[in-house]
Amino acid sequence: MLLFSMRGLVREDGWSDGSLKVSFWGTNIGLFIIFIGTLLPIGILQVLDNIKYGFWHARSDEFWFQDTIQLLGQIRALPDLLIILGAGRILLFMVKAITRLKQAEVKSGERFD
C-alpha cells in the first residue's frame, strides 16, 4: 500500500524500479532461505526429539544447545543479512522518493475535494 500511494506522489526521476526489485527479491529470498535452511530443519529435529524423548525434552536447553541446532542457528545470520539489505534498500528508496515529490496541483482559492 505504501508503494502504491507513493507512486502517485513521486516524480519520474525519483522512482527506481531497480531498487524495488532488489529490495523485493532480497527480502523474499532471505525469508525463503530462513525457512528452508533453519526453521524447517530445526522443526523436524524438534518433532523427532519430541517423539523420542517427549515434549519436555524438545523444549529444554539440552535440545537447544546441541551442536546441530547451534550450527543451524548461526547459519541463519546469512539470510538475515539478505533481509536487512532488502529492508535497507527500500528505506533508501523511500528517502530518495520523499526528496523528489511532485508539486501540488491545487491552486490558491481552488477547492480540494
C-alpha atoms as a PDB file:
ATOM      1  CA  MET A   1       0.000   0.000   0.000  1.00  0.00           C
ATOM      2  CA  LEU A   2       2.835   2.347   0.803  1.00  0.00           C
ATOM      3  CA  LEU A   3       4.436   1.918  -2.612  1.00  0.00           C
ATOM      4  CA  PHE A   4       1.078   2.208  -4.362  1.00  0.00           C
ATOM      5  CA  SER A   5       0.443   5.514  -2.583  1.00  0.00           C
ATOM      6  CA  MET A   6       3.957   6.811  -3.170  1.00  0.00           C
ATOM      7  CA  ARG A   7       3.816   6.055  -6.905  1.00  0.00           C
ATOM      8  CA  GLY A   8       1.349   8.874  -7.483  1.00  0.00           C
ATOM      9  CA  LEU A   9       3.268  11.347  -5.325  1.00  0.00           C
ATOM     10  CA  VAL A  10       6.805  10.927  -6.678  1.00  0.00           C
ATOM     11  CA  ARG A  11       8.288  12.422  -9.864  1.00  0.00           C
ATOM     12  CA  GLU A  12       9.634  10.034 -12.516  1.00  0.00           C
ATOM     13  CA  ASP A  13      13.268  10.838 -11.661  1.00  0.00           C
ATOM     14  CA  GLY A  14      12.646   9.786  -8.050  1.00  0.00           C
ATOM     15  CA  TRP A  15      11.195   6.372  -8.855  1.00  0.00           C
ATOM     16  CA  SER A  16      13.565   3.434  -9.291  1.00  0.00           C
ATOM     17  CA  ASP A  17      12.137   0.038 -10.190  1.00  0.00           C
ATOM     18  CA  GLY A  18      15.636  -1.435  -9.849  1.00  0.00           C
ATOM     19  CA  SER A  19      15.844  -0.565  -6.151  1.00  0.00           C
ATOM     20  CA  LEU A  20      12.408  -2.029  -5.543  1.00  0.00           C
ATOM     21  CA  LYS A  21      13.307  -5.251  -7.366  1.00  0.00           C
ATOM     22  CA  VAL A  22      16.481  -5.660  -5.299  1.00  0.00           C
ATOM     23  CA  SER A  23      14.513  -4.997  -2.117  1.00  0.00           C
ATOM     24  CA  PHE A  24      11.722  -7.408  -3.042  1.00  0.00           C
ATOM     25  CA  TRP A  25      13.979 -10.264  -4.095  1.00  0.00           C
ATOM     26  CA  GLY A  26      16.481  -9.768  -1.270  1.00  0.00           C
ATOM     27  CA  THR A  27      13.772  -9.865   1.367  1.00  0.00           C
ATOM     28  CA  ASN A  28      11.867 -12.793  -0.123  1.00  0.00           C
ATOM     29  CA  ILE A  29      14.937 -14.906  -0.897  1.00  0.00           C
ATOM     30  CA  GLY A  30      16.178 -14.262   2.646  1.00  0.00           C
ATOM     31  CA  LEU A  31      12.845 -15.391   4.109  1.00  0.00           C
ATOM     32  CA  PHE A  32      12.819 -18.496   1.894  1.00  0.00           C
ATOM     33  CA  ILE A  33      16.362 -19.453   2.929  1.00  0.00           C
ATOM     34  CA  ILE A  34      15.481 -18.953   6.608  1.00  0.00           C
ATOM     35  CA  PHE A  35      12.519 -21.275   6.205  1.00  0.00           C
ATOM     36  CA  ILE A  36      14.302 -23.976   4.181  1.00  0.00           C
ATOM     37  CA  GLY A  37      17.701 -23.692   5.846  1.00  0.00           C
ATOM     38  CA  THR A  38      16.865 -23.223   9.516  1.00  0.00           C
ATOM     39  CA  LEU A  39      13.212 -23.210  10.570  1.00  0.00           C
ATOM     40  CA  LEU A  40      12.163 -26.377   8.740  1.00  0.00           C
ATOM     41  CA  PRO A  41      15.196 -28.490   9.741  1.00  0.00           C
ATOM     42  CA  ILE A  42      15.022 -27.365  13.380  1.00  0.00           C
ATOM     43  CA  GLY A  43      11.282 -28.016  13.406  1.00  0.00           C
ATOM     44  CA  ILE A  44      11.764 -31.519  12.024  1.00  0.00           C
ATOM     45  CA  LEU A  45      14.528 -32.236  14.547  1.00  0.00           C
ATOM     46  CA  GLN A  46      12.312 -30.931  17.325  1.00  0.00           C
ATOM     47  CA  VAL A  47       9.399 -33.155  16.254  1.00  0.00           C
ATOM     48  CA  LEU A  48      11.691 -36.197  16.120  1.00  0.00           C
ATOM     49  CA  ASP A  49      13.091 -35.322  19.561  1.00  0.00           C
ATOM     50  CA  ASN A  50       9.551 -34.896  20.850  1.00  0.00           C
ATOM     51  CA  ILE A  51       8.583 -38.353  19.587  1.00  0.00           C
ATOM     52  CA  LYS A  52      11.711 -39.983  21.017  1.00  0.00           C
ATOM     53  CA  TYR A  53      12.064 -38.232  24.408  1.00  0.00           C
ATOM     54  CA  GLY A  54       8.853 -36.279  24.966  1.00  0.00           C
ATOM     55  CA  PHE A  55       7.714 -32.698  24.759  1.00  0.00           C
ATOM     56  CA  TRP A  56       9.663 -31.586  27.820  1.00  0.00           C
ATOM     57  CA  HIS A  57      12.980 -32.578  26.206  1.00  0.00           C
ATOM     58  CA  ALA A  58      12.208 -30.950  22.847  1.00  0.00           C
ATOM     59  CA  ARG A  59      11.735 -27.624  24.655  1.00  0.00           C
ATOM     60  CA  SER A  60      14.667 -27.994  27.051  1.00  0.00           C
ATOM     61  CA  ASP A  61      18.103 -26.377  26.979  1.00  0.00           C
ATOM     62  CA  GLU A  62      19.601 -29.784  26.284  1.00  0.00           C
ATOM     63  CA  PHE A  63      17.874 -29.830  22.897  1.00  0.00           C
ATOM     64  CA  TRP A  64      18.643 -26.207  22.012  1.00  0.00           C
ATOM     65  CA  PHE A  65      22.334 -26.449  22.906  1.00  0.00           C
ATOM     66  CA  GLN A  66      23.062 -29.428  20.647  1.00  0.00           C
ATOM     67  CA  ASP A  67      25.827 -28.725  18.126  1.00  0.00           C
ATOM     68  CA  THR A  68      23.495 -29.229  15.142  1.00  0.00           C
ATOM     69  CA  ILE A  69      20.895 -26.791  16.446  1.00  0.00           C
ATOM     70  CA  GLN A  70      23.554 -24.221  17.328  1.00  0.00           C
ATOM     71  CA  LEU A  71      25.079 -24.513  13.838  1.00  0.00           C
ATOM     72  CA  LEU A  72      21.688 -24.044  12.175  1.00  0.00           C
ATOM     73  CA  GLY A  73      21.102 -21.001  14.381  1.00  0.00           C
ATOM     74  CA  GLN A  74      24.432 -19.487  13.335  1.00  0.00           C
ATOM     75  CA  ILE A  75      23.784 -20.207   9.661  1.00  0.00           C
ATOM     76  CA  ARG A  76      20.612 -18.154   9.983  1.00  0.00           C
ATOM     77  CA  ALA A  77      22.729 -14.992  10.101  1.00  0.00           C
ATOM     78  CA  LEU A  78      23.298 -15.185   6.330  1.00  0.00           C
ATOM     79  CA  PRO A  79      19.635 -14.986   5.244  1.00  0.00           C
ATOM     80  CA  ASP A  80      19.041 -12.415   7.991  1.00  0.00           C
ATOM     81  CA  LEU A  81      21.648 -10.269   6.269  1.00  0.00           C
ATOM     82  CA  LEU A  82      19.749 -10.560   2.964  1.00  0.00           C
ATOM     83  CA  ILE A  83      16.566  -9.393   4.675  1.00  0.00           C
ATOM     84  CA  ILE A  84      18.376  -6.475   6.317  1.00  0.00           C
ATOM     85  CA  LEU A  85      19.889  -5.443   2.975  1.00  0.00           C
ATOM     86  CA  GLY A  86      16.476  -5.676   1.296  1.00  0.00           C
ATOM     87  CA  ALA A  87      14.855  -3.573   4.011  1.00  0.00           C
ATOM     88  CA  GLY A  88      17.727  -1.082   3.883  1.00  0.00           C
ATOM     89  CA  ARG A  89      17.323  -0.768   0.128  1.00  0.00           C
ATOM     90  CA  ILE A  90      13.642   0.089   0.423  1.00  0.00           C
ATOM     91  CA  LEU A  91      14.450   2.577   3.194  1.00  0.00           C
ATOM     92  CA  LEU A  92      16.972   4.324   0.936  1.00  0.00           C
ATOM     93  CA  PHE A  93      14.436   4.253  -1.891  1.00  0.00           C
ATOM     94  CA  MET A  94      11.812   5.923   0.323  1.00  0.00           C
ATOM     95  CA  VAL A  95      14.234   8.626   1.482  1.00  0.00           C
ATOM     96  CA  LYS A  96      15.153   9.343  -2.153  1.00  0.00           C
ATOM     97  CA  ALA A  97      11.485   9.325  -3.194  1.00  0.00           C
ATOM     98  CA  ILE A  98      10.423  11.708  -0.426  1.00  0.00           C
ATOM     99  CA  THR A  99      13.002  14.236  -1.610  1.00  0.00           C
ATOM    100  CA  ARG A 100      11.530  14.087  -5.139  1.00  0.00           C
ATOM    101  CA  LEU A 101       7.815  14.614  -4.560  1.00  0.00           C
ATOM    102  CA  LYS A 102       5.590  16.155  -7.248  1.00  0.00           C
ATOM    103  CA  GLN A 103       4.439  19.721  -6.769  1.00  0.00           C
ATOM    104  CA  ALA A 104       0.878  20.232  -5.529  1.00  0.00           C
ATOM    105  CA  GLU A 105      -1.558  20.959  -8.359  1.00  0.00           C
ATOM    106  CA  VAL A 106      -4.180  22.746  -6.249  1.00  0.00           C
ATOM    107  CA  LYS A 107      -4.143  26.488  -6.875  1.00  0.00           C
ATOM    108  CA  SER A 108      -4.880  29.179  -4.312  1.00  0.00           C
ATOM    109  CA  GLY A 109      -8.618  29.548  -3.695  1.00  0.00           C
ATOM    110  CA  GLU A 110      -9.396  26.317  -5.531  1.00  0.00           C
ATOM    111  CA  ARG A 111     -11.438  23.663  -3.710  1.00  0.00           C
ATOM    112  CA  PHE A 112      -9.740  20.384  -2.994  1.00  0.00           C
ATOM    113  CA  ASP A 113     -12.284  17.552  -2.777  1.00  0.00           C
END
